[in-house]
Protein backbone atom coordinates (compact mmCIF):
# COMPACT_ATOMS: atom_id res chain seq x y z
CA MET A 1 -15.80 -41.76 67.18
CA MET A 2 -17.89 -41.67 69.99
CA GLY A 3 -17.17 -37.90 70.10
CA SER A 4 -18.21 -37.71 66.52
CA ARG A 5 -21.08 -39.26 66.89
CA LEU A 6 -22.34 -37.41 69.87
CA LEU A 7 -22.03 -34.37 68.07
CA TRP A 8 -23.90 -35.32 64.87
CA ALA A 9 -26.54 -36.25 67.71
CA VAL A 10 -26.45 -32.97 69.19
CA VAL A 11 -26.47 -31.21 65.66
CA LEU A 12 -29.15 -33.25 63.89
CA GLY A 13 -31.54 -33.22 66.83
CA PHE A 14 -31.49 -29.46 67.58
CA LEU A 15 -32.14 -29.04 63.57
CA LEU A 16 -34.71 -31.22 63.49
CA GLY A 17 -36.62 -30.17 66.37
CA VAL A 18 -36.42 -26.55 64.79
CA PHE A 19 -37.02 -27.90 61.29
CA VAL A 20 -40.56 -29.85 63.06
CA ARG A 21 -41.61 -26.98 64.70
CA SER A 22 -41.12 -24.57 61.73
CA PHE A 23 -43.96 -26.22 60.28
CA LEU A 24 -45.96 -28.10 63.16
CA ALA A 25 -47.36 -25.83 66.55
CA VAL A 26 -45.84 -28.24 68.61
CA GLY A 27 -45.40 -27.03 72.00
CA PHE A 28 -44.48 -28.22 76.10
CA SER A 29 -46.06 -31.30 76.03
CA PHE A 30 -44.18 -32.46 72.39
CA GLU A 31 -40.98 -31.15 73.87
CA LEU A 32 -41.60 -33.21 77.29
CA PHE A 33 -42.64 -36.56 75.43
CA ALA A 34 -39.03 -36.02 73.57
CA ILE A 35 -37.45 -35.58 77.18
CA LEU A 36 -39.36 -38.41 78.62
CA LEU A 37 -38.01 -40.78 75.18
CA ALA A 38 -34.72 -39.34 75.79
CA LEU A 39 -35.11 -40.46 79.97
CA ALA A 40 -36.23 -44.14 78.68
CA ALA A 41 -33.29 -45.12 76.22
CA LEU A 42 -30.50 -43.21 78.85
CA THR A 43 -32.44 -45.94 81.55
CA CYS A 44 -32.72 -48.84 79.00
CA GLY A 45 -28.66 -47.70 78.07
CA ALA A 46 -27.65 -48.53 82.11
CA LEU A 47 -29.25 -51.68 81.67
CA GLU A 48 -28.23 -52.80 78.70
CA LYS A 49 -24.48 -52.33 78.48
CA GLU A 50 -24.27 -53.69 75.23
CA LYS A 51 -25.98 -51.21 73.55
CA SER A 52 -25.05 -48.31 76.03
CA LYS A 53 -23.34 -45.92 73.87
CA SER A 54 -26.28 -46.42 70.71
CA LEU A 55 -28.69 -45.43 73.48
CA LEU A 56 -26.47 -42.95 74.70
CA ILE A 57 -26.65 -41.00 71.35
CA ILE A 58 -30.25 -41.43 70.61
CA ALA A 59 -30.59 -40.00 73.99
CA VAL A 60 -28.97 -37.42 73.06
CA ALA A 61 -30.40 -36.77 69.51
CA LEU A 62 -33.98 -36.59 71.48
CA LEU A 63 -33.03 -33.91 73.96
CA PHE A 64 -31.52 -31.23 71.48
CA PHE A 65 -34.47 -32.36 69.56
CA ALA A 66 -36.87 -30.98 72.46
CA VAL A 67 -34.26 -27.94 72.49
CA GLY A 68 -34.73 -27.19 68.78
CA ILE A 69 -37.95 -26.97 69.24
CA ALA A 70 -37.88 -24.72 72.58
CA ARG A 71 -35.40 -22.71 70.68
CA MET A 72 -38.06 -22.25 68.05
CA ASN A 73 -40.70 -21.33 69.85
CA ALA A 74 -38.92 -18.53 71.82
CA ALA A 75 -37.93 -17.04 68.82
CA VAL A 76 -41.46 -16.97 66.58
CA VAL A 77 -42.16 -13.05 66.12
CA THR A 78 -45.55 -12.29 67.63
CA GLY A 79 -45.27 -8.17 67.40
CA ASP A 80 -46.48 -5.37 69.24
CA PRO A 81 -50.38 -5.62 70.29
CA LEU A 82 -50.37 -2.06 70.28
CA MET A 83 -49.20 -1.71 66.09
CA THR A 84 -51.09 -4.52 65.69
CA ALA A 85 -54.41 -2.54 66.44
CA GLN A 86 -53.36 -0.18 64.13
CA LEU A 87 -53.13 -2.59 60.56
CA ASN A 88 -54.52 -0.89 57.70
CA LYS A 89 -54.30 2.37 58.76
CA GLN A 90 -51.75 5.22 58.26
CA VAL A 91 -49.64 6.17 61.03
CA SER A 92 -45.94 7.36 62.37
CA ILE A 93 -43.57 5.14 63.90
CA ILE A 94 -40.07 6.70 65.34
CA GLY A 95 -37.17 4.12 65.30
CA VAL A 96 -33.88 3.28 64.33
CA VAL A 97 -32.41 1.89 60.80
CA SER A 98 -31.38 -1.24 62.42
CA ALA A 99 -29.57 -2.28 59.19
CA GLU A 100 -27.70 -0.90 55.71
CA PRO A 101 -30.85 0.44 53.78
CA ASP A 102 -31.53 -1.87 50.55
CA VAL A 103 -31.48 0.82 47.61
CA ARG A 104 -33.35 -0.73 44.38
CA ASP A 105 -34.16 1.16 41.42
CA SER A 106 -37.25 3.01 42.59
CA SER A 107 -37.31 2.76 46.09
CA VAL A 108 -35.07 2.25 49.74
CA ARG A 109 -36.26 -0.36 51.94
CA LEU A 110 -35.44 0.67 55.20
CA SER A 111 -35.17 -2.18 58.56
CA ILE A 112 -36.66 0.02 61.46
CA ARG A 113 -36.65 -0.84 64.85
CA ALA A 114 -39.63 0.68 66.51
CA ASP A 115 -39.18 2.82 69.20
CA GLU A 116 -42.51 4.87 69.65
CA LEU A 117 -45.76 4.82 67.72
CA ILE A 118 -47.75 8.42 66.84
CA VAL A 119 -51.38 7.86 66.41
CA GLY A 120 -52.89 11.56 66.14
CA SER A 121 -52.01 13.12 69.27
CA SER A 122 -50.69 10.09 71.36
CA THR A 123 -47.46 8.36 71.30
CA GLU A 124 -47.11 5.03 72.64
CA ASN A 125 -43.91 2.95 73.41
CA VAL A 126 -43.83 0.02 70.88
CA ARG A 127 -40.72 -2.78 70.16
CA ALA A 128 -41.24 -3.88 66.75
CA GLY A 129 -39.35 -4.53 63.40
CA VAL A 130 -40.46 -2.79 60.71
CA LEU A 131 -39.93 -2.97 56.93
CA VAL A 132 -40.35 0.81 55.63
CA ASN A 133 -40.82 1.51 51.80
CA VAL A 134 -39.62 5.10 51.02
CA PRO A 135 -38.41 7.04 47.95
CA SER A 136 -35.44 6.29 45.90
CA HIS A 137 -34.34 9.85 46.33
CA THR A 138 -34.46 9.41 50.38
CA ASP A 139 -31.36 10.25 52.50
CA VAL A 140 -30.88 8.07 55.37
CA ARG A 141 -28.13 6.07 56.78
CA TYR A 142 -27.69 2.73 58.90
CA GLY A 143 -27.58 3.74 62.50
CA ASP A 144 -29.88 7.13 61.58
CA ALA A 145 -33.44 7.88 64.42
CA VAL A 146 -36.04 8.07 61.74
CA ARG A 147 -39.74 9.54 61.90
CA VAL A 148 -41.72 7.18 59.27
CA SER A 149 -45.12 7.71 58.37
CA GLY A 150 -47.18 5.45 55.81
CA MET A 151 -49.58 2.30 55.75
CA LEU A 152 -48.82 -0.58 58.40
CA GLN A 153 -49.74 -3.67 57.41
CA LEU A 154 -48.67 -7.15 57.89
CA PRO A 155 -46.25 -8.84 55.09
CA GLN A 156 -48.41 -11.34 52.77
CA SER A 157 -47.16 -14.04 51.07
CA PHE A 158 -47.21 -13.72 47.05
CA ASP A 159 -47.12 -16.00 44.02
CA THR A 160 -43.68 -15.89 42.28
CA GLY A 161 -45.50 -17.81 39.18
CA ASP A 162 -45.87 -21.00 37.55
CA ASP A 163 -48.08 -21.75 41.14
CA ARG A 164 -45.49 -21.04 43.58
CA GLN A 165 -46.14 -19.41 46.82
CA PHE A 166 -43.25 -17.23 48.54
CA ASP A 167 -43.35 -17.69 52.31
CA TYR A 168 -42.38 -13.57 53.06
CA PRO A 169 -43.97 -13.32 56.44
CA ASP A 170 -41.58 -15.88 57.56
CA TYR A 171 -38.70 -14.73 55.52
CA LEU A 172 -38.94 -11.15 56.84
CA ALA A 173 -39.51 -12.93 60.61
CA ALA A 174 -35.62 -13.83 59.74
CA SER A 175 -34.66 -10.89 60.21
CA GLY A 176 -36.67 -9.70 63.17
CA ILE A 177 -39.49 -7.76 60.82
CA ALA A 178 -43.40 -8.23 61.96
CA TYR A 179 -44.53 -5.46 59.89
CA THR A 180 -44.69 -3.56 56.88
CA LEU A 181 -45.13 0.14 56.06
CA SER A 182 -46.41 0.79 52.73
CA PHE A 183 -45.35 4.03 50.47
CA ALA A 184 -43.98 5.69 53.71
CA GLN A 185 -42.25 8.99 53.96
CA ALA A 186 -38.91 8.85 55.97
CA ASP A 187 -37.31 12.15 57.96
CA ARG A 188 -34.07 12.18 59.61
CA LEU A 189 -34.11 12.59 63.28
CA GLY A 190 -30.57 11.75 64.44
CA THR A 191 -27.04 10.31 63.42
CA ASN A 192 -24.76 7.66 64.87
CA SER A 193 -27.02 5.07 66.69
CA GLY A 194 -25.93 2.63 65.53
CA THR A 195 -22.78 -0.21 66.01
CA VAL A 196 -19.30 1.63 65.38
CA PHE A 197 -17.63 -1.67 63.82
CA LEU A 198 -20.51 -1.84 61.09
CA SER A 199 -20.95 1.64 60.62
CA LEU A 200 -17.03 1.52 59.20
CA ALA A 201 -17.63 -1.54 57.64
CA ILE A 202 -20.81 0.79 55.34
CA ASP A 203 -18.71 3.30 55.20
CA ALA A 204 -15.53 1.65 54.00
CA LYS A 205 -17.89 -0.65 51.07
CA HIS A 206 -19.47 2.82 49.91
CA THR A 207 -15.78 4.48 49.53
CA TYR A 208 -14.68 0.96 47.80
CA LEU A 209 -17.96 1.34 45.74
CA ASN A 210 -17.17 4.99 44.32
CA GLY A 211 -13.53 3.99 44.02
CA GLU A 212 -15.14 1.21 41.11
CA GLY A 213 -17.57 3.53 39.66
CA ALA A 214 -14.97 5.96 38.82
CA VAL A 215 -12.72 3.55 36.55
CA LEU A 216 -15.32 1.20 35.62
CA PRO A 217 -18.56 1.60 33.55
CA GLU A 218 -21.61 -0.42 33.73
CA PRO A 219 -22.41 -3.28 33.89
CA GLU A 220 -18.93 -4.24 34.93
CA ALA A 221 -18.79 -1.77 38.05
CA GLY A 222 -21.80 -3.82 39.35
CA LEU A 223 -20.68 -7.28 38.53
CA ALA A 224 -17.54 -5.74 40.34
CA GLY A 225 -19.40 -4.60 43.49
CA GLY A 226 -20.85 -8.05 43.38
CA ILE A 227 -18.28 -10.62 43.64
CA THR A 228 -15.97 -8.72 45.36
CA VAL A 229 -17.54 -7.23 48.27
CA GLY A 230 -21.48 -8.50 48.15
CA ASP A 231 -23.41 -4.94 46.69
CA LYS A 232 -26.93 -5.38 46.19
CA ARG A 233 -26.88 -2.62 43.34
CA SER A 234 -28.65 -3.78 39.97
CA ILE A 235 -26.76 -4.72 37.25
CA GLY A 236 -30.19 -4.54 35.16
CA PRO A 237 -33.02 -6.53 34.30
CA ALA A 238 -31.47 -8.03 30.94
CA LEU A 239 -28.35 -8.95 32.31
CA SER A 240 -29.84 -10.34 35.69
CA SER A 241 -32.11 -12.65 33.49
CA ASP A 242 -29.16 -14.08 31.57
CA PHE A 243 -26.84 -14.67 34.86
CA GLN A 244 -30.11 -16.57 36.01
CA LYS A 245 -30.58 -18.79 32.88
CA VAL A 246 -27.29 -20.10 33.58
CA SER A 247 -27.13 -20.75 36.83
CA LEU A 248 -24.84 -17.57 37.44
CA LEU A 249 -26.80 -15.73 39.64
CA GLN A 250 -24.85 -16.26 43.02
CA MET A 251 -21.58 -14.50 41.48
CA VAL A 252 -23.43 -11.02 41.92
CA VAL A 253 -23.55 -11.75 45.93
CA LEU A 254 -21.24 -12.38 48.80
CA SER A 255 -20.91 -15.92 48.47
CA GLY A 256 -19.33 -18.32 50.47
CA TYR A 257 -16.93 -18.83 47.15
CA ASN A 258 -15.68 -14.92 47.20
CA ILE A 259 -14.90 -15.23 50.95
CA THR A 260 -13.12 -18.33 50.69
CA VAL A 261 -10.72 -16.65 48.15
CA VAL A 262 -10.19 -13.18 50.61
CA ALA A 263 -9.54 -15.56 53.43
CA ASN A 264 -6.79 -17.36 51.14
CA PHE A 265 -5.57 -14.51 49.74
CA ALA A 266 -4.92 -13.18 52.81
CA ALA A 267 -3.23 -15.86 54.81
CA GLN A 268 -0.66 -16.09 51.60
CA LEU A 269 0.10 -12.31 52.28
CA LEU A 270 0.49 -13.09 55.82
CA ALA A 271 2.53 -16.32 55.13
CA TRP A 272 5.66 -15.05 56.91
CA THR A 273 4.13 -14.05 60.32
CA SER A 274 3.03 -16.60 63.25
CA SER A 275 0.09 -18.59 63.39
CA TYR A 276 -1.38 -16.85 65.84
CA VAL A 277 -1.16 -13.87 63.60
CA GLN A 278 -2.62 -15.26 60.99
CA PHE A 279 -5.32 -16.91 62.87
CA GLY A 280 -6.45 -13.39 64.18
CA ALA A 281 -5.87 -11.22 60.78
CA GLY A 282 -7.91 -14.28 59.20
CA ILE A 283 -10.97 -13.93 61.80
CA PHE A 284 -10.86 -9.82 61.44
CA VAL A 285 -10.91 -9.91 57.40
CA VAL A 286 -13.57 -12.93 58.23
CA ILE A 287 -15.99 -10.55 60.58
CA PHE A 288 -15.55 -7.65 58.22
CA PHE A 289 -16.60 -9.08 55.30
CA ILE A 290 -19.68 -10.44 56.74
CA LEU A 291 -20.36 -7.09 58.25
CA ILE A 292 -19.96 -5.76 54.68
CA SER A 293 -22.20 -8.32 53.09
CA GLY A 294 -25.20 -6.99 55.44
CA GLY A 295 -24.71 -10.26 57.40
CA ALA A 296 -25.89 -12.49 54.32
CA SER A 297 -26.97 -16.09 55.71
CA SER A 298 -24.62 -17.13 52.77
CA ALA A 299 -21.41 -15.02 53.81
CA VAL A 300 -21.93 -15.69 57.65
CA ARG A 301 -21.86 -20.09 56.97
CA ALA A 302 -19.12 -19.59 54.97
CA GLY A 303 -16.83 -16.66 57.02
CA LEU A 304 -17.74 -19.40 59.93
CA MET A 305 -16.44 -22.18 58.14
CA ALA A 306 -13.20 -19.81 57.24
CA ILE A 307 -12.99 -19.27 61.27
CA LEU A 308 -12.98 -23.14 62.07
CA ALA A 309 -10.18 -23.78 59.03
CA MET A 310 -8.24 -21.30 60.14
CA TYR A 311 -8.24 -22.52 63.48
CA ALA A 312 -7.71 -26.20 62.65
CA ARG A 313 -4.79 -24.39 60.68
CA ALA A 314 -3.55 -23.06 63.69
CA SER A 315 -3.75 -25.65 66.17
CA GLY A 316 -2.86 -28.55 63.85
CA ARG A 317 -5.99 -30.23 63.84
CA THR A 318 -7.75 -32.02 61.02
CA TYR A 319 -10.58 -29.82 59.34
CA ASP A 320 -13.33 -31.84 58.27
CA ALA A 321 -15.40 -29.97 55.79
CA LEU A 322 -19.18 -31.63 56.55
CA ARG A 323 -17.82 -31.25 60.33
CA ALA A 324 -17.50 -27.61 59.99
CA LEU A 325 -20.85 -26.86 58.30
CA ALA A 326 -22.93 -28.44 60.99
CA VAL A 327 -21.33 -26.55 63.61
CA ALA A 328 -21.75 -23.77 61.34
CA ALA A 329 -25.68 -24.31 60.71
CA PHE A 330 -26.00 -25.14 64.53
CA ALA A 331 -24.36 -21.88 65.29
CA MET A 332 -26.50 -19.71 62.89
CA THR A 333 -29.83 -21.85 63.77
CA VAL A 334 -29.48 -21.12 67.43
CA TRP A 335 -28.75 -17.58 66.62
CA ASN A 336 -31.79 -17.35 64.65
CA PRO A 337 -33.95 -20.76 64.25
CA PHE A 338 -35.62 -18.92 61.00
CA THR A 339 -32.32 -18.91 59.38
CA LEU A 340 -32.80 -23.03 58.57
CA ALA A 341 -36.34 -22.99 57.11
CA PHE A 342 -37.23 -19.66 55.76
CA ASP A 343 -33.75 -18.29 54.56
CA PRO A 344 -33.29 -19.81 50.51
CA GLY A 345 -29.65 -18.01 50.51
CA PHE A 346 -28.97 -20.56 53.60
CA GLN A 347 -30.08 -23.34 52.55
CA LEU A 348 -28.41 -22.62 49.03
CA SER A 349 -25.42 -22.36 50.45
CA ALA A 350 -25.49 -25.42 52.63
CA LEU A 351 -26.88 -27.34 50.03
CA ALA A 352 -24.11 -26.09 47.41
CA MET A 353 -21.32 -27.06 50.33
CA ILE A 354 -22.53 -30.22 50.96
CA GLY A 355 -22.61 -31.39 46.88
CA LEU A 356 -18.78 -29.76 46.95
CA THR A 357 -17.64 -32.04 50.51
CA VAL A 358 -20.05 -35.35 48.54
CA PHE A 359 -19.99 -35.14 45.52
CA THR A 360 -16.73 -33.83 44.14
CA PRO A 361 -14.84 -37.09 44.63
CA ILE A 362 -17.21 -39.01 43.12
CA PHE A 363 -17.32 -36.75 39.89
CA SER A 364 -13.21 -36.48 40.02
CA ASN A 365 -13.46 -40.22 40.05
CA HIS A 366 -15.59 -40.62 37.04
CA LEU A 367 -14.01 -38.03 35.21
CA GLN A 368 -10.36 -39.22 34.32
CA TRP A 369 -10.79 -38.93 30.80
CA ILE A 370 -10.12 -34.78 31.71
CA SER A 371 -6.80 -33.42 32.12
CA ALA A 372 -5.60 -32.95 35.33
CA ARG A 373 -3.70 -29.53 34.02
CA PHE A 374 -4.73 -26.15 35.20
CA ALA A 375 -7.23 -27.81 37.63
CA LEU A 376 -9.39 -28.63 35.31
CA ARG A 377 -10.53 -32.35 36.07
CA GLU A 378 -11.41 -30.77 39.89
CA ILE A 379 -13.24 -27.49 38.64
CA VAL A 380 -15.55 -29.87 36.18
CA ALA A 381 -15.84 -32.33 38.79
CA SER A 382 -16.78 -29.22 41.81
CA THR A 383 -19.36 -27.24 39.81
CA ALA A 384 -20.88 -30.71 38.14
CA ALA A 385 -21.09 -31.57 42.36
CA THR A 386 -22.61 -28.59 43.25
CA GLN A 387 -25.20 -27.77 40.26
CA LEU A 388 -26.45 -31.36 40.90
CA ALA A 389 -26.96 -30.89 44.80
CA VAL A 390 -28.76 -27.19 44.61
CA LEU A 391 -30.65 -28.82 41.40
CA PRO A 392 -33.98 -30.21 43.35
CA PHE A 393 -34.12 -27.08 45.42
CA ILE A 394 -33.70 -24.40 42.85
CA LEU A 395 -36.49 -26.07 40.53
CA TYR A 396 -38.52 -26.68 43.66
CA GLN A 397 -37.98 -22.86 44.43
CA SER A 398 -37.94 -21.03 41.07
CA GLY A 399 -38.55 -24.12 38.23
CA GLN A 400 -35.71 -23.20 35.93
CA LEU A 401 -33.78 -25.54 35.17
CA SER A 402 -31.04 -24.38 33.62
CA LEU A 403 -29.86 -26.81 30.99
CA LEU A 404 -26.04 -24.95 30.19
CA ALA A 405 -25.01 -24.28 34.48
CA ILE A 406 -22.30 -26.67 33.89
CA PRO A 407 -20.43 -25.18 31.13
CA ALA A 408 -21.12 -21.56 31.96
CA ASN A 409 -20.06 -21.68 35.64
CA ILE A 410 -16.71 -23.68 34.45
CA PHE A 411 -15.94 -20.74 31.55
CA ALA A 412 -17.03 -18.10 34.21
CA MET A 413 -15.84 -19.53 37.88
CA VAL A 414 -12.34 -19.61 36.43
CA PRO A 415 -10.95 -16.35 36.19
CA VAL A 416 -13.11 -15.03 39.32
CA PRO A 417 -10.04 -14.99 42.24
CA LEU A 418 -7.95 -12.82 39.16
CA ALA A 419 -11.25 -10.76 38.61
CA MET A 420 -11.91 -10.35 42.43
CA LEU A 421 -8.26 -8.93 42.64
CA THR A 422 -8.12 -6.90 40.12
CA ALA A 423 -11.62 -4.83 40.58
CA CYS A 424 -9.68 -4.49 44.40
CA ILE A 425 -6.79 -2.50 42.97
CA ALA A 426 -9.17 -0.74 40.49
CA SER A 427 -10.87 0.28 43.33
CA ALA A 428 -8.25 1.59 45.43
CA ALA A 429 -6.59 3.67 42.35
CA GLY A 430 -10.41 4.95 41.35
CA ALA A 431 -10.71 6.29 45.17
CA ILE A 432 -7.38 7.89 45.26
CA PHE A 433 -7.07 9.36 41.38
CA GLY A 434 -10.52 8.94 40.59
CA ALA A 435 -11.18 8.86 36.68
CA VAL A 436 -7.20 9.67 36.23
CA ALA A 437 -6.89 5.78 37.50
CA THR A 438 -9.20 4.42 34.46
CA PRO A 439 -5.89 2.62 32.61
CA ILE A 440 -5.54 0.99 36.06
CA ALA A 441 -8.85 -0.69 35.82
CA PHE A 442 -8.53 -2.31 32.38
CA PRO A 443 -7.57 -5.63 33.83
CA ALA A 444 -10.61 -5.57 35.61
CA TYR A 445 -12.79 -4.40 32.83
CA THR A 446 -11.30 -7.24 30.78
CA LEU A 447 -12.02 -9.90 32.70
CA LEU A 448 -15.33 -8.50 34.24
CA ALA A 449 -16.35 -8.38 30.55
CA TYR A 450 -15.69 -11.63 30.17
CA ILE A 451 -17.77 -13.25 32.43
CA ILE A 452 -20.36 -11.15 31.59
CA ALA A 453 -19.70 -12.21 27.65
CA VAL A 454 -19.86 -15.73 29.17
CA ALA A 455 -23.47 -15.26 30.79
CA HIS A 456 -24.50 -13.68 27.38
CA PHE A 457 -23.83 -16.14 24.80
CA PHE A 458 -24.98 -18.91 26.90
CA ALA A 459 -28.18 -17.29 27.93
CA SER A 460 -28.74 -16.77 24.29
CA LEU A 461 -28.39 -20.67 23.25
CA PRO A 462 -31.68 -22.02 21.95
CA PHE A 463 -33.03 -24.17 25.23
CA ALA A 464 -30.48 -22.60 27.64
CA SER A 465 -33.09 -23.00 30.43
CA ILE A 466 -36.86 -24.21 30.81
CA ILE A 467 -39.36 -24.07 33.33
CA VAL A 468 -40.36 -26.91 35.43
CA GLY A 469 -44.50 -27.10 36.57
CA ALA A 470 -44.57 -26.25 40.39
CA PHE A 471 -44.67 -29.61 42.54
CA SER A 472 -44.96 -30.73 46.07
CA ALA A 473 -42.11 -30.32 48.62
CA TRP A 474 -42.31 -33.84 49.06
CA TRP A 475 -40.95 -34.55 45.46
CA MET A 476 -38.22 -32.21 46.54
CA LEU A 477 -37.51 -34.42 49.61
CA VAL A 478 -37.60 -38.03 47.48
CA ALA A 479 -35.15 -36.21 45.07
CA TYR A 480 -32.39 -35.75 48.06
CA GLY A 481 -33.28 -39.19 49.51
CA SER A 482 -32.36 -40.79 46.20
CA LEU A 483 -29.35 -38.65 45.87
CA PHE A 484 -27.53 -39.02 49.14
CA GLY A 485 -28.99 -42.60 49.15
CA GLY A 486 -27.10 -43.28 46.10
CA VAL A 487 -24.06 -41.67 47.85
CA TRP A 488 -24.25 -43.56 50.66
CA ILE A 489 -24.44 -47.04 48.32
CA ILE A 490 -21.44 -46.13 46.39
CA HIS A 491 -19.66 -45.27 49.53
CA LYS A 492 -20.22 -48.98 51.12
CA LYS A 493 -19.61 -50.24 47.77
CA THR A 494 -16.10 -48.46 47.50
CA ILE A 495 -15.59 -49.69 51.33
CA LYS A 496 -16.16 -53.32 50.75
CA ASN A 497 -14.09 -53.15 47.28
CA LYS A 498 -10.98 -51.64 49.27
CA ILE A 499 -11.59 -54.48 52.01
CA TYR A 500 -11.65 -56.80 49.38
CA ALA A 501 -8.78 -56.00 47.67
CA LEU A 502 -6.59 -55.78 51.05
CA ARG A 503 -8.00 -59.15 51.59
CA SER A 504 -6.72 -60.12 48.19
CA VAL A 505 -3.20 -59.03 48.87
CA ARG A 506 -2.72 -60.69 52.22
CA ASN A 507 -4.18 -63.56 50.41
CA HIS A 508 -1.22 -63.45 47.91
CA GLN A 509 1.56 -62.40 50.18
CA LYS A 510 0.40 -65.25 52.42
CA TYR A 511 1.17 -67.89 49.34
CA LEU A 512 4.47 -66.11 48.39
């Protein structure tokens, strides 16, 4: 118990420090104050032996609170002075494409690690991340050395509608990007400057997608790419709107659910091997899929938790999902502190996991009237739990309240594992045999078309979703405080009832 409490003190103290520094400009003096409080708690613990354990936990939390502030201070993206001096001017930059290009309908977005800044006839060495917007026909790949020319600017927050502002600068800072280059042109100067393993993952992803495109029509091919390898190709504005209305849009990206399905499938294939082989192969599969997703935070979170689960299985240890989530969140925030407060993908993924772990047992206990056959009660309980957990956050971010999210998710999510499997088979057949293999893709097409039909049907119903006006983040915190406060009360009541029942049994046995 003491070890578990110390772990939570480390994680929560560090995350709170990062979170506070994300919104308040606190520096070394605040860190020093927290450290002094930690030393005071340790001193009091040495004098008060009865309270020494509690004071030790407080001291550890305060110490890592200071560490969290220091880590966020060290991660602040300040940009490059030479580039800042050229803001709102036409410049040329030489650098390397540091991530897979984000292909949109009308443009391509390139994440560039800038190495040289060219202004007129002078060239200066610089070091900064730049997001470059180039025409859709630009042929540039990850790892290419490029020369890009355009208007150098700072990213700006923008209005997402209904008086909601999106903090675009800090969102890009999570990827190390401090500048944007609008209406740019890119020329390739060289290739093969990227990481070999990541290049192989991206090439494998493109081969896979080409195989799907050969045997599946749109939008089924786009949906298949989304649920299997996290492809960001558009499935069309109309269908995207349908998925968003009924809270199914998370299916179009590589999420924790998808990685869990893949990891479990890999474990079943290797069930006949030793635990060490299963663990090693599982780690390889998870890391490969994280790279394919482009390092999406939801995929990284799920991948780390999957690795911890595989380690627990291989070593015979008990796996605790909440503790694994805490460790994953801690590791991700240590690596990139901007993830915690400025990455909506991570926040949504973490909240969904908390809901799945904390709320599902409560819903399941109150849904005894639903049959347990075909795991129906579990599906309904887990769906309701995740939707409840993410609801305040979604309302704060977008204001879209999906009134039919639970039934839509229940009907759409059931065939997803089989749709993923058949889509992989279809892609492999398409990559090898081309369009001749179209009949092999029929099962995948049927399942994908069914999922699309479910989204379209529920989105077309009257009042499928409503828009809630913008509100303060404090109201979101109050909502989550009420939710988790209610869970705490239910948990305490359950423990009290169990103790009362146990005492009643003992008293009854005493008189027998």
